[in-house]
Amino acid sequence: MSKHLERDLDNLQKDLLALAASVEEAIHKAIRALQERDVPLANEVIDGDSDIDEEENHVEEECLKVLALHQPVAVDLRRVTSVLQINTDLERMADLAEDIAERAVALARWPAIPIPGDLQRMTDLTSSMVRQALDAFVNLDAKLARLVCRLDDEVDRYNKSIIDELILLMQRSPDMVEPGLSFFSATRHLERIADHATNIAEDVIYLVEGAIVRHRPAAVRGEDS
């Protein structure tokens, strides 16, 4: 690898991790706004989405420059394509955080809805998945990436538990239907963030091993022959 390519790949990684930090902060703020009925905090997330979009555009432009200037091959090419895919997943996470913030604003207009007990656990696990997926990328750790993929099933279980709890609440209290549906939507957005963390983990496996494992559960588990 030339020194110029190595430098540009290092800069790409720094830019991507800066974007990731912005996205993680947006997710954290959006969930806190939802739990605490904090409209100003929710609006902060909504207003900040355009800055994240600009960061995403910058990373994509830098990837295209690397492809045009260096014409990387093998693992270097996989690294650039992985950054492009991870960049897209991060931007979509930010959009979902914005959606959660919008639900927080809506919920603040209605009577307070009981916060499902599993929401914080689901939030903590989802945040951990995002962080570990990015750690796997930085450290080229396919084993950690596979762990992230497996954690997605646990997030799905939390999501189902929260939805079941919300359905019971709406059945017992008709005045809770509108806020219940809005909370349902926010929980679904959080579950989708975990799906994007899984996508990033699958991109890491591709980067490290050169194998596309999406839609192949056995390959994700490392069981393909």
Protein backbone atom coordinates (compact mmCIF):
# COMPACT_ATOMS: atom_id res chain seq x y z
CA MET A 1 0.00 0.00 0.00
CA SER A 2 1.35 3.46 -0.88
CA LYS A 3 1.84 6.02 1.87
CA HIS A 4 -0.70 8.31 0.22
CA LEU A 5 -3.36 5.59 0.14
CA GLU A 6 -2.62 4.64 3.75
CA ARG A 7 -2.97 8.28 4.78
CA ASP A 8 -6.27 8.67 2.94
CA LEU A 9 -7.68 5.45 4.40
CA ASP A 10 -6.72 6.61 7.90
CA ASN A 11 -8.48 9.92 7.28
CA LEU A 12 -11.54 8.09 6.01
CA GLN A 13 -11.68 6.10 9.22
CA LYS A 14 -11.36 9.24 11.35
CA ASP A 15 -14.17 10.95 9.43
CA LEU A 16 -16.39 7.88 9.73
CA LEU A 17 -15.81 7.63 13.48
CA ALA A 18 -16.60 11.34 13.89
CA LEU A 19 -19.90 10.72 12.12
CA ALA A 20 -20.54 7.69 14.33
CA ALA A 21 -20.00 9.80 17.46
CA SER A 22 -22.58 12.33 16.23
CA VAL A 23 -25.06 9.56 15.49
CA GLU A 24 -24.60 7.87 18.87
CA GLU A 25 -25.20 11.20 20.59
CA ALA A 26 -28.38 11.77 18.56
CA ILE A 27 -29.72 8.32 19.51
CA HIS A 28 -28.97 8.89 23.19
CA LYS A 29 -30.64 12.32 23.21
CA ALA A 30 -33.69 11.11 21.30
CA ILE A 31 -34.38 8.28 23.74
CA ARG A 32 -33.83 10.56 26.73
CA ALA A 33 -36.25 13.08 25.23
CA LEU A 34 -38.79 10.28 24.80
CA GLN A 35 -38.42 9.05 28.36
CA GLU A 36 -38.35 12.50 29.99
CA ARG A 37 -40.89 14.25 27.73
CA ASP A 38 -38.17 16.79 26.95
CA VAL A 39 -39.31 18.75 23.89
CA PRO A 40 -36.29 21.11 23.68
CA LEU A 41 -33.94 18.11 23.69
CA ALA A 42 -36.03 16.40 21.02
CA ASN A 43 -35.90 19.53 18.88
CA GLU A 44 -32.14 19.60 19.31
CA VAL A 45 -31.96 16.15 17.73
CA ILE A 46 -34.29 17.17 14.90
CA ASP A 47 -32.36 20.37 14.18
CA GLY A 48 -29.01 18.52 14.26
CA ASP A 49 -29.93 15.99 11.58
CA SER A 50 -28.87 18.29 8.74
CA ASP A 51 -25.34 18.48 10.19
CA ILE A 52 -25.17 14.69 10.24
CA ASP A 53 -26.34 14.62 6.63
CA GLU A 54 -23.45 16.93 5.74
CA GLU A 55 -20.99 14.65 7.55
CA GLU A 56 -22.36 11.67 5.63
CA ASN A 57 -21.96 13.51 2.32
CA HIS A 58 -18.37 14.37 3.21
CA VAL A 59 -17.46 10.75 3.97
CA GLU A 60 -19.05 9.57 0.72
CA GLU A 61 -17.18 12.20 -1.29
CA GLU A 62 -13.88 11.21 0.31
CA CYS A 63 -14.54 7.54 -0.49
CA LEU A 64 -15.14 8.39 -4.13
CA LYS A 65 -11.92 10.41 -4.22
CA VAL A 66 -9.95 7.45 -2.85
CA LEU A 67 -11.48 5.15 -5.45
CA ALA A 68 -10.70 7.58 -8.27
CA LEU A 69 -7.18 8.56 -7.18
CA HIS A 70 -5.81 5.26 -5.89
CA GLN A 71 -7.92 2.56 -7.59
CA PRO A 72 -7.48 0.28 -4.55
CA VAL A 73 -7.71 -3.50 -4.85
CA ALA A 74 -8.21 -6.50 -2.55
CA VAL A 75 -8.52 -5.58 1.14
CA ASP A 76 -8.06 -1.87 0.46
CA LEU A 77 -10.98 -1.90 -1.95
CA ARG A 78 -13.06 -3.83 0.59
CA ARG A 79 -12.19 -1.21 3.19
CA VAL A 80 -13.43 1.66 1.04
CA THR A 81 -16.64 -0.14 0.06
CA SER A 82 -17.22 -1.07 3.71
CA VAL A 83 -16.84 2.57 4.74
CA LEU A 84 -19.39 3.55 2.07
CA GLN A 85 -21.90 1.00 3.38
CA ILE A 86 -21.29 1.82 7.05
CA ASN A 87 -21.62 5.51 6.24
CA THR A 88 -25.09 4.87 4.80
CA ASP A 89 -26.17 2.81 7.80
CA LEU A 90 -25.02 5.53 10.20
CA GLU A 91 -26.97 8.20 8.34
CA ARG A 92 -30.08 6.02 8.44
CA MET A 93 -29.61 5.55 12.19
CA ALA A 94 -29.56 9.34 12.53
CA ASP A 95 -32.80 9.57 10.55
CA LEU A 96 -34.36 7.05 12.93
CA ALA A 97 -33.12 9.04 15.93
CA GLU A 98 -34.83 12.08 14.38
CA ASP A 99 -38.02 10.01 14.00
CA ILE A 100 -37.85 9.03 17.69
CA ALA A 101 -37.38 12.69 18.61
CA GLU A 102 -40.46 13.61 16.57
CA ARG A 103 -42.44 10.97 18.45
CA ALA A 104 -41.16 12.47 21.72
CA VAL A 105 -42.52 15.87 20.67
CA ALA A 106 -45.89 14.32 19.82
CA LEU A 107 -46.06 12.35 23.07
CA ALA A 108 -45.44 15.49 25.11
CA ARG A 109 -48.83 16.81 23.91
CA TRP A 110 -50.74 13.89 25.44
CA PRO A 111 -51.13 12.56 28.99
CA ALA A 112 -48.00 10.79 30.21
CA ILE A 113 -47.81 7.16 29.15
CA PRO A 114 -46.20 4.58 31.46
CA ILE A 115 -42.70 3.82 30.19
CA PRO A 116 -42.40 0.07 29.45
CA GLY A 117 -39.89 -1.58 31.74
CA ASP A 118 -37.86 -3.09 28.92
CA LEU A 119 -37.29 0.20 27.08
CA GLN A 120 -34.12 1.12 28.95
CA ARG A 121 -32.72 -2.39 28.56
CA MET A 122 -33.52 -2.32 24.84
CA THR A 123 -31.90 1.10 24.54
CA ASP A 124 -28.76 0.03 26.40
CA LEU A 125 -28.40 -3.10 24.29
CA THR A 126 -28.95 -1.21 21.02
CA SER A 127 -26.39 1.43 22.00
CA SER A 128 -23.95 -1.33 22.90
CA MET A 129 -24.48 -2.98 19.51
CA VAL A 130 -23.71 0.28 17.69
CA ARG A 131 -20.56 0.84 19.76
CA GLN A 132 -19.33 -2.75 19.43
CA ALA A 133 -19.99 -2.84 15.68
CA LEU A 134 -17.78 0.23 15.28
CA ASP A 135 -15.14 -1.25 17.59
CA ALA A 136 -15.15 -4.36 15.42
CA PHE A 137 -14.58 -2.17 12.37
CA VAL A 138 -11.68 -0.28 13.94
CA ASN A 139 -10.03 -3.46 15.24
CA LEU A 140 -10.92 -5.67 12.25
CA ASP A 141 -12.55 -8.05 14.72
CA ALA A 142 -14.86 -10.49 12.94
CA LYS A 143 -15.54 -12.39 16.18
CA LEU A 144 -16.93 -9.26 17.85
CA ALA A 145 -18.91 -8.48 14.70
CA ARG A 146 -20.56 -11.90 14.90
CA LEU A 147 -21.46 -11.26 18.55
CA VAL A 148 -23.23 -8.04 17.49
CA CYS A 149 -25.22 -9.97 14.89
CA ARG A 150 -26.38 -12.45 17.51
CA LEU A 151 -27.47 -9.67 19.89
CA ASP A 152 -30.06 -8.49 17.37
CA ASP A 153 -32.36 -11.37 18.36
CA GLU A 154 -32.35 -10.12 21.94
CA VAL A 155 -33.32 -6.61 20.81
CA ASP A 156 -36.19 -8.15 18.84
CA ARG A 157 -37.38 -9.91 22.00
CA TYR A 158 -37.35 -6.64 23.95
CA ASN A 159 -39.23 -4.97 21.12
CA LYS A 160 -41.95 -7.65 21.18
CA SER A 161 -42.23 -7.40 24.96
CA ILE A 162 -42.69 -3.61 24.79
CA ILE A 163 -45.27 -3.88 22.00
CA ASP A 164 -47.22 -6.50 23.95
CA GLU A 165 -47.19 -4.22 27.00
CA LEU A 166 -48.40 -1.26 24.94
CA ILE A 167 -51.22 -3.29 23.39
CA LEU A 168 -52.47 -4.31 26.84
CA LEU A 169 -52.30 -0.68 27.98
CA MET A 170 -54.31 0.52 24.98
CA GLN A 171 -56.90 -2.22 25.44
CA ARG A 172 -57.41 -1.27 29.10
CA SER A 173 -57.29 2.52 28.59
CA PRO A 174 -58.77 3.83 25.32
CA ASP A 175 -57.38 7.31 26.08
CA MET A 176 -53.92 5.78 25.77
CA VAL A 177 -54.43 4.63 22.16
CA GLU A 178 -52.91 7.68 20.48
CA PRO A 179 -49.86 7.99 22.76
CA GLY A 180 -49.54 4.19 22.74
CA LEU A 181 -49.34 4.09 18.95
CA SER A 182 -46.79 6.91 18.95
CA PHE A 183 -44.68 5.07 21.52
CA PHE A 184 -45.06 1.90 19.48
CA SER A 185 -43.60 3.76 16.50
CA ALA A 186 -40.66 5.07 18.54
CA THR A 187 -39.85 1.56 19.76
CA ARG A 188 -39.93 0.27 16.21
CA HIS A 189 -37.46 2.97 15.17
CA LEU A 190 -35.12 1.88 17.97
CA GLU A 191 -35.35 -1.72 16.77
CA ARG A 192 -34.42 -0.56 13.26
CA ILE A 193 -31.32 1.15 14.67
CA ALA A 194 -30.24 -2.24 16.01
CA ASP A 195 -30.80 -3.69 12.53
CA HIS A 196 -28.42 -1.10 11.08
CA ALA A 197 -25.83 -1.95 13.74
CA THR A 198 -26.15 -5.55 12.56
CA ASN A 199 -25.59 -4.39 8.97
CA ILE A 200 -22.38 -2.69 10.07
CA ALA A 201 -21.23 -5.86 11.81
CA GLU A 202 -21.89 -7.84 8.64
CA ASP A 203 -19.85 -5.29 6.68
CA VAL A 204 -16.97 -5.87 9.11
CA ILE A 205 -17.10 -9.61 8.46
CA TYR A 206 -16.95 -8.87 4.72
CA LEU A 207 -14.01 -6.52 5.26
CA VAL A 208 -12.03 -9.02 7.32
CA GLU A 209 -12.93 -12.27 5.57
CA GLY A 210 -13.99 -11.17 2.09
CA ALA A 211 -17.29 -13.04 2.50
CA ILE A 212 -20.76 -11.53 2.07
CA VAL A 213 -22.81 -12.89 4.98
CA ARG A 214 -26.03 -10.88 4.74
CA HIS A 215 -29.12 -13.10 4.61
CA ARG A 216 -26.90 -16.12 5.44
CA PRO A 217 -27.35 -16.94 9.14
CA ALA A 218 -24.95 -19.89 9.05
CA ALA A 219 -22.22 -17.68 7.57
CA VAL A 220 -22.78 -15.08 10.27
CA ARG A 221 -22.30 -17.81 12.88
CA GLY A 222 -19.17 -19.01 11.07
CA GLU A 223 -20.72 -22.36 10.23
CA ASP A 224 -20.43 -22.28 6.43
CA SER A 225 -18.26 -24.99 5.02
